[in-house]
Amino acid sequence: MTTWLRVLALSVHPGGIQTNLSQYTTPEEMAAFIADEEALRQVKSIPQGAATQVWAATAPVWEGKGGKYLEDVKVAEPSSGRVSTIGDGYGAHAYDPVNEEKLWKLSLELVKLENP
């Protein structure tokens, strides 16, 4: 008998946050970031950056749900153009329900399990 454990997952993008992590970037990367006025306008405080993760981990709305990409305390939308490292949705390649189903079936086959 197979016992199934249900695992639900959410992918969370915190955005660009004002932390000391920038100390690990190269001077060229930092210069490119500083030159990007739109990116600078979107930089968040530490509490703002933590908000989406806290929401994903604690909000009752996610009970029994998963498979979403979250940013700015909402479900992210497909990007309308340039995908930024600080947010702005997800690339078309990141969410593909058809291939998701194929991968799930292949995974079950490889571990010799049947779909519950």
PDB file of N, CA and C in Angstrom:
ATOM      1  N   MET A   1       0.842  -1.181   0.000  1.00  0.00           N
ATOM      2  CA  MET A   1       0.000   0.000   0.000  1.00  0.00           C
ATOM      3  C   MET A   1       0.886   1.244   0.000  1.00  0.00           C
ATOM      4  N   THR A   2       0.543   2.201  -0.839  1.00  0.00           N
ATOM      5  CA  THR A   2       1.271   3.456  -0.917  1.00  0.00           C
ATOM      6  C   THR A   2       0.550   4.512  -0.098  1.00  0.00           C
ATOM      7  N   THR A   3       1.276   5.182   0.769  1.00  0.00           N
ATOM      8  CA  THR A   3       0.726   6.297   1.525  1.00  0.00           C
ATOM      9  C   THR A   3       1.217   7.584   0.888  1.00  0.00           C
ATOM     10  N   TRP A   4       0.291   8.443   0.561  1.00  0.00           N
ATOM     11  CA  TRP A   4       0.644   9.703  -0.090  1.00  0.00           C
ATOM     12  C   TRP A   4       0.688  10.823   0.935  1.00  0.00           C
ATOM     13  N   LEU A   5       1.723  11.596   0.865  1.00  0.00           N
ATOM     14  CA  LEU A   5       1.849  12.806   1.659  1.00  0.00           C
ATOM     15  C   LEU A   5       1.673  13.973   0.700  1.00  0.00           C
ATOM     16  N   ARG A   6       0.750  14.824   0.984  1.00  0.00           N
ATOM     17  CA  ARG A   6       0.498  15.954   0.091  1.00  0.00           C
ATOM     18  C   ARG A   6       1.442  17.100   0.436  1.00  0.00           C
ATOM     19  N   VAL A   7       2.193  17.521  -0.556  1.00  0.00           N
ATOM     20  CA  VAL A   7       3.120  18.636  -0.397  1.00  0.00           C
ATOM     21  C   VAL A   7       2.666  19.754  -1.320  1.00  0.00           C
ATOM     22  N   LEU A   8       2.505  20.911  -0.763  1.00  0.00           N
ATOM     23  CA  LEU A   8       2.115  22.084  -1.541  1.00  0.00           C
ATOM     24  C   LEU A   8       3.271  23.067  -1.534  1.00  0.00           C
ATOM     25  N   ALA A   9       3.535  23.652  -2.669  1.00  0.00           N
ATOM     26  CA  ALA A   9       4.669  24.562  -2.763  1.00  0.00           C
ATOM     27  C   ALA A   9       4.261  25.868  -3.430  1.00  0.00           C
ATOM     28  N   LEU A  10       4.856  26.929  -2.961  1.00  0.00           N
ATOM     29  CA  LEU A  10       4.720  28.248  -3.565  1.00  0.00           C
ATOM     30  C   LEU A  10       6.120  28.751  -3.844  1.00  0.00           C
ATOM     31  N   SER A  11       6.287  29.448  -4.920  1.00  0.00           N
ATOM     32  CA  SER A  11       7.561  30.079  -5.237  1.00  0.00           C
ATOM     33  C   SER A  11       7.419  31.554  -4.902  1.00  0.00           C
ATOM     34  N   VAL A  12       8.402  32.104  -4.196  1.00  0.00           N
ATOM     35  CA  VAL A  12       8.290  33.465  -3.696  1.00  0.00           C
ATOM     36  C   VAL A  12       9.483  34.300  -4.134  1.00  0.00           C
ATOM     37  N   HIS A  13       9.198  35.464  -4.687  1.00  0.00           N
ATOM     38  CA  HIS A  13      10.249  36.411  -5.064  1.00  0.00           C
ATOM     39  C   HIS A  13      10.171  37.587  -4.087  1.00  0.00           C
ATOM     40  N   PRO A  14      11.205  37.793  -3.273  1.00  0.00           N
ATOM     41  CA  PRO A  14      11.138  38.877  -2.288  1.00  0.00           C
ATOM     42  C   PRO A  14      11.300  40.264  -2.889  1.00  0.00           C
ATOM     43  N   GLY A  15      11.888  40.354  -4.080  1.00  0.00           N
ATOM     44  CA  GLY A  15      12.177  41.651  -4.674  1.00  0.00           C
ATOM     45  C   GLY A  15      13.564  42.118  -4.257  1.00  0.00           C
ATOM     46  N   GLY A  16      13.914  43.313  -4.664  1.00  0.00           N
ATOM     47  CA  GLY A  16      15.183  43.913  -4.270  1.00  0.00           C
ATOM     48  C   GLY A  16      15.036  44.524  -2.890  1.00  0.00           C
ATOM     49  N   ILE A  17      15.846  44.092  -1.959  1.00  0.00           N
ATOM     50  CA  ILE A  17      15.707  44.515  -0.565  1.00  0.00           C
ATOM     51  C   ILE A  17      16.976  45.220  -0.110  1.00  0.00           C
ATOM     52  N   GLN A  18      16.801  46.249   0.701  1.00  0.00           N
ATOM     53  CA  GLN A  18      17.929  47.010   1.242  1.00  0.00           C
ATOM     54  C   GLN A  18      18.623  46.186   2.335  1.00  0.00           C
ATOM     55  N   THR A  19      19.575  45.356   1.923  1.00  0.00           N
ATOM     56  CA  THR A  19      20.362  44.580   2.875  1.00  0.00           C
ATOM     57  C   THR A  19      21.830  44.720   2.495  1.00  0.00           C
ATOM     58  N   ASN A  20      22.689  44.083   3.268  1.00  0.00           N
ATOM     59  CA  ASN A  20      24.120  44.144   2.958  1.00  0.00           C
ATOM     60  C   ASN A  20      24.544  43.052   1.972  1.00  0.00           C
ATOM     61  N   LEU A  21      23.608  42.351   1.359  1.00  0.00           N
ATOM     62  CA  LEU A  21      23.968  41.329   0.380  1.00  0.00           C
ATOM     63  C   LEU A  21      24.676  41.915  -0.831  1.00  0.00           C
ATOM     64  N   SER A  22      24.471  43.207  -1.064  1.00  0.00           N
ATOM     65  CA  SER A  22      25.123  43.830  -2.213  1.00  0.00           C
ATOM     66  C   SER A  22      26.643  43.838  -2.079  1.00  0.00           C
ATOM     67  N   GLN A  23      27.151  43.579  -0.888  1.00  0.00           N
ATOM     68  CA  GLN A  23      28.611  43.524  -0.722  1.00  0.00           C
ATOM     69  C   GLN A  23      29.229  42.390  -1.536  1.00  0.00           C
ATOM     70  N   TYR A  24      28.415  41.443  -1.972  1.00  0.00           N
ATOM     71  CA  TYR A  24      28.926  40.304  -2.735  1.00  0.00           C
ATOM     72  C   TYR A  24      28.804  40.510  -4.245  1.00  0.00           C
ATOM     73  N   THR A  25      28.322  41.661  -4.666  1.00  0.00           N
ATOM     74  CA  THR A  25      28.226  41.931  -6.099  1.00  0.00           C
ATOM     75  C   THR A  25      29.505  42.609  -6.580  1.00  0.00           C
ATOM     76  N   THR A  26      29.752  42.472  -7.846  1.00  0.00           N
ATOM     77  CA  THR A  26      30.932  43.114  -8.420  1.00  0.00           C
ATOM     78  C   THR A  26      30.646  44.601  -8.601  1.00  0.00           C
ATOM     79  N   PRO A  27      31.676  45.414  -8.702  1.00  0.00           N
ATOM     80  CA  PRO A  27      31.443  46.843  -8.958  1.00  0.00           C
ATOM     81  C   PRO A  27      30.643  47.073 -10.244  1.00  0.00           C
ATOM     82  N   GLU A  28      30.852  46.247 -11.246  1.00  0.00           N
ATOM     83  CA  GLU A  28      30.106  46.383 -12.498  1.00  0.00           C
ATOM     84  C   GLU A  28      28.618  46.083 -12.292  1.00  0.00           C
ATOM     85  N   GLU A  29      28.313  45.037 -11.534  1.00  0.00           N
ATOM     86  CA  GLU A  29      26.914  44.697 -11.247  1.00  0.00           C
ATOM     87  C   GLU A  29      26.248  45.817 -10.456  1.00  0.00           C
ATOM     88  N   MET A  30      26.964  46.360  -9.483  1.00  0.00           N
ATOM     89  CA  MET A  30      26.401  47.440  -8.668  1.00  0.00           C
ATOM     90  C   MET A  30      26.165  48.685  -9.520  1.00  0.00           C
ATOM     91  N   ALA A  31      27.097  49.010 -10.399  1.00  0.00           N
ATOM     92  CA  ALA A  31      26.938  50.173 -11.275  1.00  0.00           C
ATOM     93  C   ALA A  31      25.729  50.000 -12.189  1.00  0.00           C
ATOM     94  N   ALA A  32      25.532  48.801 -12.713  1.00  0.00           N
ATOM     95  CA  ALA A  32      24.383  48.535 -13.585  1.00  0.00           C
ATOM     96  C   ALA A  32      23.081  48.676 -12.803  1.00  0.00           C
ATOM     97  N   PHE A  33      23.060  48.211 -11.576  1.00  0.00           N
ATOM     98  CA  PHE A  33      21.861  48.321 -10.749  1.00  0.00           C
ATOM     99  C   PHE A  33      21.559  49.785 -10.444  1.00  0.00           C
ATOM    100  N   ILE A  34      22.570  50.531 -10.051  1.00  0.00           N
ATOM    101  CA  ILE A  34      22.378  51.942  -9.710  1.00  0.00           C
ATOM    102  C   ILE A  34      21.922  52.741 -10.933  1.00  0.00           C
ATOM    103  N   ALA A  35      22.347  52.337 -12.108  1.00  0.00           N
ATOM    104  CA  ALA A  35      21.950  53.032 -13.342  1.00  0.00           C
ATOM    105  C   ALA A  35      20.505  52.729 -13.746  1.00  0.00           C
ATOM    106  N   ASP A  36      19.915  51.705 -13.179  1.00  0.00           N
ATOM    107  CA  ASP A  36      18.548  51.298 -13.519  1.00  0.00           C
ATOM    108  C   ASP A  36      17.564  52.028 -12.597  1.00  0.00           C
ATOM    109  N   GLU A  37      17.052  53.160 -13.067  1.00  0.00           N
ATOM    110  CA  GLU A  37      16.168  53.985 -12.238  1.00  0.00           C
ATOM    111  C   GLU A  37      14.905  53.245 -11.794  1.00  0.00           C
ATOM    112  N   GLU A  38      14.351  52.420 -12.677  1.00  0.00           N
ATOM    113  CA  GLU A  38      13.151  51.657 -12.322  1.00  0.00           C
ATOM    114  C   GLU A  38      13.461  50.676 -11.191  1.00  0.00           C
ATOM    115  N   ALA A  39      14.593  50.013 -11.264  1.00  0.00           N
ATOM    116  CA  ALA A  39      14.986  49.077 -10.204  1.00  0.00           C
ATOM    117  C   ALA A  39      15.162  49.813  -8.879  1.00  0.00           C
ATOM    118  N   LEU A  40      15.783  50.956  -8.903  1.00  0.00           N
ATOM    119  CA  LEU A  40      15.999  51.727  -7.676  1.00  0.00           C
ATOM    120  C   LEU A  40      14.673  52.145  -7.038  1.00  0.00           C
ATOM    121  N   ARG A  41      13.664  52.476  -7.857  1.00  0.00           N
ATOM    122  CA  ARG A  41      12.351  52.858  -7.323  1.00  0.00           C
ATOM    123  C   ARG A  41      11.658  51.679  -6.640  1.00  0.00           C
ATOM    124  N   GLN A  42      12.030  50.463  -7.016  1.00  0.00           N
ATOM    125  CA  GLN A  42      11.350  49.287  -6.477  1.00  0.00           C
ATOM    126  C   GLN A  42      12.057  48.643  -5.288  1.00  0.00           C
ATOM    127  N   VAL A  43      13.188  49.196  -4.863  1.00  0.00           N
ATOM    128  CA  VAL A  43      13.914  48.614  -3.729  1.00  0.00           C
ATOM    129  C   VAL A  43      13.046  48.720  -2.476  1.00  0.00           C
ATOM    130  N   LYS A  44      13.029  47.638  -1.697  1.00  0.00           N
ATOM    131  CA  LYS A  44      12.163  47.544  -0.522  1.00  0.00           C
ATOM    132  C   LYS A  44      12.968  47.573   0.771  1.00  0.00           C
ATOM    133  N   SER A  45      12.275  47.942   1.828  1.00  0.00           N
ATOM    134  CA  SER A  45      12.854  47.816   3.159  1.00  0.00           C
ATOM    135  C   SER A  45      12.843  46.332   3.535  1.00  0.00           C
ATOM    136  N   ILE A  46      13.520  45.961   4.589  1.00  0.00           N
ATOM    137  CA  ILE A  46      13.544  44.550   5.012  1.00  0.00           C
ATOM    138  C   ILE A  46      12.133  44.055   5.354  1.00  0.00           C
ATOM    139  N   PRO A  47      11.325  44.806   6.133  1.00  0.00           N
ATOM    140  CA  PRO A  47       9.951  44.326   6.384  1.00  0.00           C
ATOM    141  C   PRO A  47       9.119  44.183   5.103  1.00  0.00           C
ATOM    142  N   GLN A  48       9.266  45.120   4.169  1.00  0.00           N
ATOM    143  CA  GLN A  48       8.539  45.007   2.903  1.00  0.00           C
ATOM    144  C   GLN A  48       8.986  43.765   2.142  1.00  0.00           C
ATOM    145  N   GLY A  49      10.290  43.484   2.161  1.00  0.00           N
ATOM    146  CA  GLY A  49      10.813  42.320   1.464  1.00  0.00           C
ATOM    147  C   GLY A  49      10.369  41.008   2.076  1.00  0.00           C
ATOM    148  N   ALA A  50      10.115  41.008   3.375  1.00  0.00           N
ATOM    149  CA  ALA A  50       9.681  39.786   4.069  1.00  0.00           C
ATOM    150  C   ALA A  50       8.182  39.534   3.948  1.00  0.00           C
ATOM    151  N   ALA A  51       7.432  40.545   3.571  1.00  0.00           N
ATOM    152  CA  ALA A  51       5.968  40.449   3.598  1.00  0.00           C
ATOM    153  C   ALA A  51       5.419  39.307   2.753  1.00  0.00           C
ATOM    154  N   THR A  52       5.937  39.117   1.544  1.00  0.00           N
ATOM    155  CA  THR A  52       5.396  38.073   0.675  1.00  0.00           C
ATOM    156  C   THR A  52       5.682  36.684   1.240  1.00  0.00           C
ATOM    157  N   GLN A  53       6.880  36.485   1.791  1.00  0.00           N
ATOM    158  CA  GLN A  53       7.216  35.183   2.376  1.00  0.00           C
ATOM    159  C   GLN A  53       6.330  34.878   3.582  1.00  0.00           C
ATOM    160  N   VAL A  54       6.098  35.876   4.418  1.00  0.00           N
ATOM    161  CA  VAL A  54       5.246  35.685   5.592  1.00  0.00           C
ATOM    162  C   VAL A  54       3.824  35.379   5.150  1.00  0.00           C
ATOM    163  N   TRP A  55       3.338  36.084   4.151  1.00  0.00           N
ATOM    164  CA  TRP A  55       2.000  35.837   3.619  1.00  0.00           C
ATOM    165  C   TRP A  55       1.882  34.418   3.084  1.00  0.00           C
ATOM    166  N   ALA A  56       2.892  33.988   2.318  1.00  0.00           N
ATOM    167  CA  ALA A  56       2.868  32.631   1.748  1.00  0.00           C
ATOM    168  C   ALA A  56       2.863  31.572   2.846  1.00  0.00           C
ATOM    169  N   ALA A  57       3.590  31.829   3.910  1.00  0.00           N
ATOM    170  CA  ALA A  57       3.732  30.826   4.976  1.00  0.00           C
ATOM    171  C   ALA A  57       2.551  30.788   5.938  1.00  0.00           C
ATOM    172  N   THR A  58       1.785  31.880   6.040  1.00  0.00           N
ATOM    173  CA  THR A  58       0.788  31.937   7.108  1.00  0.00           C
ATOM    174  C   THR A  58      -0.642  32.210   6.668  1.00  0.00           C
ATOM    175  N   ALA A  59      -0.861  32.729   5.485  1.00  0.00           N
ATOM    176  CA  ALA A  59      -2.215  33.134   5.096  1.00  0.00           C
ATOM    177  C   ALA A  59      -3.114  31.927   4.856  1.00  0.00           C
ATOM    178  N   PRO A  60      -4.292  31.923   5.449  1.00  0.00           N
ATOM    179  CA  PRO A  60      -5.226  30.814   5.254  1.00  0.00           C
ATOM    180  C   PRO A  60      -5.614  30.593   3.789  1.00  0.00           C
ATOM    181  N   VAL A  61      -5.497  31.611   2.959  1.00  0.00           N
ATOM    182  CA  VAL A  61      -5.863  31.482   1.548  1.00  0.00           C
ATOM    183  C   VAL A  61      -5.056  30.382   0.857  1.00  0.00           C
ATOM    184  N   TRP A  62      -3.875  30.045   1.372  1.00  0.00           N
ATOM    185  CA  TRP A  62      -3.025  29.042   0.724  1.00  0.00           C
ATOM    186  C   TRP A  62      -3.289  27.627   1.232  1.00  0.00           C
ATOM    187  N   GLU A  63      -4.189  27.461   2.171  1.00  0.00           N
ATOM    188  CA  GLU A  63      -4.504  26.132   2.684  1.00  0.00           C
ATOM    189  C   GLU A  63      -5.011  25.249   1.546  1.00  0.00           C
ATOM    190  N   GLY A  64      -4.302  24.162   1.275  1.00  0.00           N
ATOM    191  CA  GLY A  64      -4.701  23.226   0.224  1.00  0.00           C
ATOM    192  C   GLY A  64      -4.403  23.698  -1.183  1.00  0.00           C
ATOM    193  N   LYS A  65      -3.654  24.790  -1.326  1.00  0.00           N
ATOM    194  CA  LYS A  65      -3.326  25.318  -2.644  1.00  0.00           C
ATOM    195  C   LYS A  65      -1.812  25.416  -2.794  1.00  0.00           C
ATOM    196  N   GLY A  66      -1.370  25.463  -3.994  1.00  0.00           N
ATOM    197  CA  GLY A  66       0.052  25.616  -4.262  1.00  0.00           C
ATOM    198  C   GLY A  66       0.271  25.851  -5.740  1.00  0.00           C
ATOM    199  N   GLY A  67       1.534  25.819  -6.146  1.00  0.00           N
ATOM    200  CA  GLY A  67       1.865  25.953  -7.555  1.00  0.00           C
ATOM    201  C   GLY A  67       1.775  27.363  -8.085  1.00  0.00           C
ATOM    202  N   LYS A  68       1.924  28.338  -7.226  1.00  0.00           N
ATOM    203  CA  LYS A  68       1.855  29.733  -7.671  1.00  0.00           C
ATOM    204  C   LYS A  68       3.188  30.433  -7.416  1.00  0.00           C
ATOM    205  N   TYR A  69       3.442  31.463  -8.203  1.00  0.00           N
ATOM    206  CA  TYR A  69       4.621  32.311  -8.055  1.00  0.00           C
ATOM    207  C   TYR A  69       4.139  33.638  -7.479  1.00  0.00           C
ATOM    208  N   LEU A  70       4.666  34.007  -6.321  1.00  0.00           N
ATOM    209  CA  LEU A  70       4.191  35.186  -5.609  1.00  0.00           C
ATOM    210  C   LEU A  70       5.248  36.279  -5.584  1.00  0.00           C
ATOM    211  N   GLU A  71       4.780  37.517  -5.703  1.00  0.00           N
ATOM    212  CA  GLU A  71       5.642  38.680  -5.512  1.00  0.00           C
ATOM    213  C   GLU A  71       4.769  39.848  -5.077  1.00  0.00           C
ATOM    214  N   ASP A  72       5.316  40.713  -4.276  1.00  0.00           N
ATOM    215  CA  ASP A  72       4.587  41.902  -3.799  1.00  0.00           C
ATOM    216  C   ASP A  72       3.240  41.547  -3.173  1.00  0.00           C
ATOM    217  N   VAL A  73       3.209  40.482  -2.383  1.00  0.00           N
ATOM    218  CA  VAL A  73       2.029  40.010  -1.666  1.00  0.00           C
ATOM    219  C   VAL A  73       0.837  39.806  -2.603  1.00  0.00           C
ATOM    220  N   LYS A  74       1.119  39.191  -3.739  1.00  0.00           N
ATOM    221  CA  LYS A  74       0.064  38.816  -4.692  1.00  0.00           C
ATOM    222  C   LYS A  74       0.599  37.707  -5.589  1.00  0.00           C
ATOM    223  N   VAL A  75      -0.307  37.056  -6.285  1.00  0.00           N
ATOM    224  CA  VAL A  75       0.101  36.072  -7.281  1.00  0.00           C
ATOM    225  C   VAL A  75       0.662  36.852  -8.462  1.00  0.00           C
ATOM    226  N   ALA A  76       1.873  36.511  -8.860  1.00  0.00           N
ATOM    227  CA  ALA A  76       2.527  37.218  -9.959  1.00  0.00           C
ATOM    228  C   ALA A  76       1.837  36.907 -11.273  1.00  0.00           C
ATOM    229  N   GLU A  77       1.916  37.842 -12.170  1.00  0.00           N
ATOM    230  CA  GLU A  77       1.372  37.704 -13.516  1.00  0.00           C
ATOM    231  C   GLU A  77       2.514  37.419 -14.488  1.00  0.00           C
ATOM    232  N   PRO A  78       2.198  36.913 -15.666  1.00  0.00           N
ATOM    233  CA  PRO A  78       3.255  36.767 -16.679  1.00  0.00           C
ATOM    234  C   PRO A  78       3.857  38.134 -16.981  1.00  0.00           C
ATOM    235  N   SER A  79       5.130  38.164 -17.217  1.00  0.00           N
ATOM    236  CA  SER A  79       5.801  39.420 -17.541  1.00  0.00           C
ATOM    237  C   SER A  79       5.329  39.929 -18.888  1.00  0.00           C
ATOM    238  N   SER A  80       5.155  41.224 -18.975  1.00  0.00           N
ATOM    239  CA  SER A  80       4.741  41.819 -20.241  1.00  0.00           C
ATOM    240  C   SER A  80       5.933  42.188 -21.106  1.00  0.00           C
ATOM    241  N   GLY A  81       7.098  41.913 -20.627  1.00  0.00           N
ATOM    242  CA  GLY A  81       8.305  42.253 -21.388  1.00  0.00           C
ATOM    243  C   GLY A  81       9.541  41.786 -20.651  1.00  0.00           C
ATOM    244  N   ARG A  82      10.377  42.727 -20.300  1.00  0.00           N
ATOM    245  CA  ARG A  82      11.627  42.433 -19.610  1.00  0.00           C
ATOM    246  C   ARG A  82      11.343  41.876 -18.217  1.00  0.00           C
ATOM    247  N   VAL A  83      11.935  40.734 -17.908  1.00  0.00           N
ATOM    248  CA  VAL A  83      11.816  40.168 -16.573  1.00  0.00           C
ATOM    249  C   VAL A  83      13.004  40.670 -15.766  1.00  0.00           C
ATOM    250  N   SER A  84      12.717  41.302 -14.659  1.00  0.00           N
ATOM    251  CA  SER A  84      13.741  41.913 -13.819  1.00  0.00           C
ATOM    252  C   SER A  84      14.132  40.985 -12.680  1.00  0.00           C
ATOM    253  N   THR A  85      15.324  41.171 -12.157  1.00  0.00           N
ATOM    254  CA  THR A  85      15.749  40.390 -10.993  1.00  0.00           C
ATOM    255  C   THR A  85      15.031  40.840  -9.735  1.00  0.00           C
ATOM    256  N   ILE A  86      14.352  41.978  -9.776  1.00  0.00           N
ATOM    257  CA  ILE A  86      13.659  42.449  -8.580  1.00  0.00           C
ATOM    258  C   ILE A  86      12.148  42.266  -8.649  1.00  0.00           C
ATOM    259  N   GLY A  87      11.643  41.672  -9.691  1.00  0.00           N
ATOM    260  CA  GLY A  87      10.215  41.425  -9.781  1.00  0.00           C
ATOM    261  C   GLY A  87       9.707  41.543 -11.205  1.00  0.00           C
ATOM    262  N   ASP A  88       8.513  42.064 -11.358  1.00  0.00           N
ATOM    263  CA  ASP A  88       7.885  42.312 -12.662  1.00  0.00           C
ATOM    264  C   ASP A  88       7.339  41.058 -13.324  1.00  0.00           C
ATOM    265  N   GLY A  89       6.869  40.101 -12.565  1.00  0.00           N
ATOM    266  CA  GLY A  89       6.253  38.926 -13.153  1.00  0.00           C
ATOM    267  C   GLY A  89       7.241  37.824 -13.490  1.00  0.00           C
ATOM    268  N   TYR A  90       6.740  36.832 -14.189  1.00  0.00           N
ATOM    269  CA  TYR A  90       7.575  35.678 -14.535  1.00  0.00           C
ATOM    270  C   TYR A  90       7.628  35.502 -16.043  1.00  0.00           C
ATOM    271  N   GLY A  91       8.715  34.903 -16.486  1.00  0.00           N
ATOM    272  CA  GLY A  91       8.884  34.630 -17.903  1.00  0.00           C
ATOM    273  C   GLY A  91       7.963  33.516 -18.363  1.00  0.00           C
ATOM    274  N   ALA A  92       7.614  33.539 -19.630  1.00  0.00           N
ATOM    275  CA  ALA A  92       6.691  32.543 -20.191  1.00  0.00           C
ATOM    276  C   ALA A  92       7.204  31.119 -19.994  1.00  0.00           C
ATOM    277  N   HIS A  93       8.507  30.944 -19.976  1.00  0.00           N
ATOM    278  CA  HIS A  93       9.094  29.609 -19.826  1.00  0.00           C
ATOM    279  C   HIS A  93       8.940  29.046 -18.408  1.00  0.00           C
ATOM    280  N   ALA A  94       8.580  29.894 -17.449  1.00  0.00           N
ATOM    281  CA  ALA A  94       8.563  29.469 -16.048  1.00  0.00           C
ATOM    282  C   ALA A  94       7.303  28.729 -15.635  1.00  0.00           C
ATOM    283  N   TYR A  95       6.244  28.832 -16.404  1.00  0.00           N
ATOM    284  CA  TYR A  95       4.992  28.176 -16.033  1.00  0.00           C
ATOM    285  C   TYR A  95       4.393  27.555 -17.283  1.00  0.00           C
ATOM    286  N   ASP A  96       4.350  26.254 -17.297  1.00  0.00           N
ATOM    287  CA  ASP A  96       3.897  25.539 -18.474  1.00  0.00           C
ATOM    288  C   ASP A  96       3.064  24.337 -18.015  1.00  0.00           C
ATOM    289  N   PRO A  97       1.746  24.505 -17.870  1.00  0.00           N
ATOM    290  CA  PRO A  97       0.900  23.426 -17.349  1.00  0.00           C
ATOM    291  C   PRO A  97       0.993  22.125 -18.146  1.00  0.00           C
ATOM    292  N   VAL A  98       1.157  22.196 -19.444  1.00  0.00           N
ATOM    293  CA  VAL A  98       1.232  20.986 -20.265  1.00  0.00           C
ATOM    294  C   VAL A  98       2.487  20.187 -19.901  1.00  0.00           C
ATOM    295  N   ASN A  99       3.634  20.849 -19.891  1.00  0.00           N
ATOM    296  CA  ASN A  99       4.863  20.146 -19.534  1.00  0.00           C
ATOM    297  C   ASN A  99       4.913  19.782 -18.056  1.00  0.00           C
ATOM    298  N   GLU A 100       4.230  20.550 -17.214  1.00  0.00           N
ATOM    299  CA  GLU A 100       4.135  20.211 -15.794  1.00  0.00           C
ATOM    300  C   GLU A 100       3.476  18.843 -15.629  1.00  0.00           C
ATOM    301  N   GLU A 101       2.386  18.632 -16.345  1.00  0.00           N
ATOM    302  CA  GLU A 101       1.676  17.350 -16.278  1.00  0.00           C
ATOM    303  C   GLU A 101       2.542  16.208 -16.816  1.00  0.00           C
ATOM    304  N   LYS A 102       3.234  16.460 -17.921  1.00  0.00           N
ATOM    305  CA  LYS A 102       4.129  15.442 -18.489  1.00  0.00           C
ATOM    306  C   LYS A 102       5.232  15.078 -17.501  1.00  0.00           C
ATOM    307  N   LEU A 103       5.821  16.077 -16.856  1.00  0.00           N
ATOM    308  CA  LEU A 103       6.889  15.832 -15.891  1.00  0.00           C
ATOM    309  C   LEU A 103       6.372  15.054 -14.691  1.00  0.00           C
ATOM    310  N   TRP A 104       5.168  15.374 -14.232  1.00  0.00           N
ATOM    311  CA  TRP A 104       4.582  14.658 -13.109  1.00  0.00           C
ATOM    312  C   TRP A 104       4.390  13.178 -13.458  1.00  0.00           C
ATOM    313  N   LYS A 105       3.835  12.921 -14.631  1.00  0.00           N
ATOM    314  CA  LYS A 105       3.615  11.532 -15.047  1.00  0.00           C
ATOM    315  C   LYS A 105       4.941  10.778 -15.204  1.00  0.00           C
ATOM    316  N   LEU A 106       5.931  11.413 -15.796  1.00  0.00           N
ATOM    317  CA  LEU A 106       7.243  10.788 -15.947  1.00  0.00           C
ATOM    318  C   LEU A 106       7.869  10.504 -14.580  1.00  0.00           C
ATOM    319  N   SER A 107       7.738  11.442 -13.654  1.00  0.00           N
ATOM    320  CA  SER A 107       8.290  11.252 -12.314  1.00  0.00           C
ATOM    321  C   SER A 107       7.662  10.046 -11.627  1.00  0.00           C
ATOM    322  N   LEU A 108       6.341   9.926 -11.727  1.00  0.00           N
ATOM    323  CA  LEU A 108       5.660   8.768 -11.140  1.00  0.00           C
ATOM    324  C   LEU A 108       6.134   7.469 -11.782  1.00  0.00           C
ATOM    325  N   GLU A 109       6.275   7.500 -13.083  1.00  0.00           N
ATOM    326  CA  GLU A 109       6.731   6.315 -13.812  1.00  0.00           C
ATOM    327  C   GLU A 109       8.142   5.904 -13.358  1.00  0.00           C
ATOM    328  N   LEU A 110       9.005   6.878 -13.223  1.00  0.00           N
ATOM    329  CA  LEU A 110      10.402   6.575 -12.849  1.00  0.00           C
ATOM    330  C   LEU A 110      10.522   5.976 -11.459  1.00  0.00           C
ATOM    331  N   VAL A 111       9.636   6.384 -10.558  1.00  0.00           N
ATOM    332  CA  VAL A 111       9.685   5.830  -9.196  1.00  0.00           C
ATOM    333  C   VAL A 111       8.678   4.712  -9.011  1.00  0.00           C
ATOM    334  N   LYS A 112       8.044   4.303 -10.108  1.00  0.00           N
ATOM    335  CA  LYS A 112       7.119   3.181 -10.122  1.00  0.00           C
ATOM    336  C   LYS A 112       5.936   3.365  -9.181  1.00  0.00           C
ATOM    337  N   LEU A 113       5.315   4.545  -9.275  1.00  0.00           N
ATOM    338  CA  LEU A 113       4.110   4.834  -8.505  1.00  0.00           C
ATOM    339  C   LEU A 113       2.993   5.180  -9.463  1.00  0.00           C
ATOM    340  N   GLU A 114       1.754   5.026  -8.983  1.00  0.00           N
ATOM    341  CA  GLU A 114       0.589   5.405  -9.764  1.00  0.00           C
ATOM    342  C   GLU A 114       0.060   6.728  -9.238  1.00  0.00           C
ATOM    343  N   ASN A 115      -0.594   7.456 -10.123  1.00  0.00           N
ATOM    344  CA  ASN A 115      -1.173   8.734  -9.741  1.00  0.00           C
ATOM    345  C   ASN A 115      -2.260   8.488  -8.689  1.00  0.00           C
ATOM    346  N   PRO A 116      -2.224   9.245  -7.602  1.00  0.00           N
ATOM    347  CA  PRO A 116      -3.224   9.018  -6.525  1.00  0.00           C
ATOM    348  C   PRO A 116      -4.634   9.372  -6.957  1.00  0.00           C
TER     349      PRO A 116
END
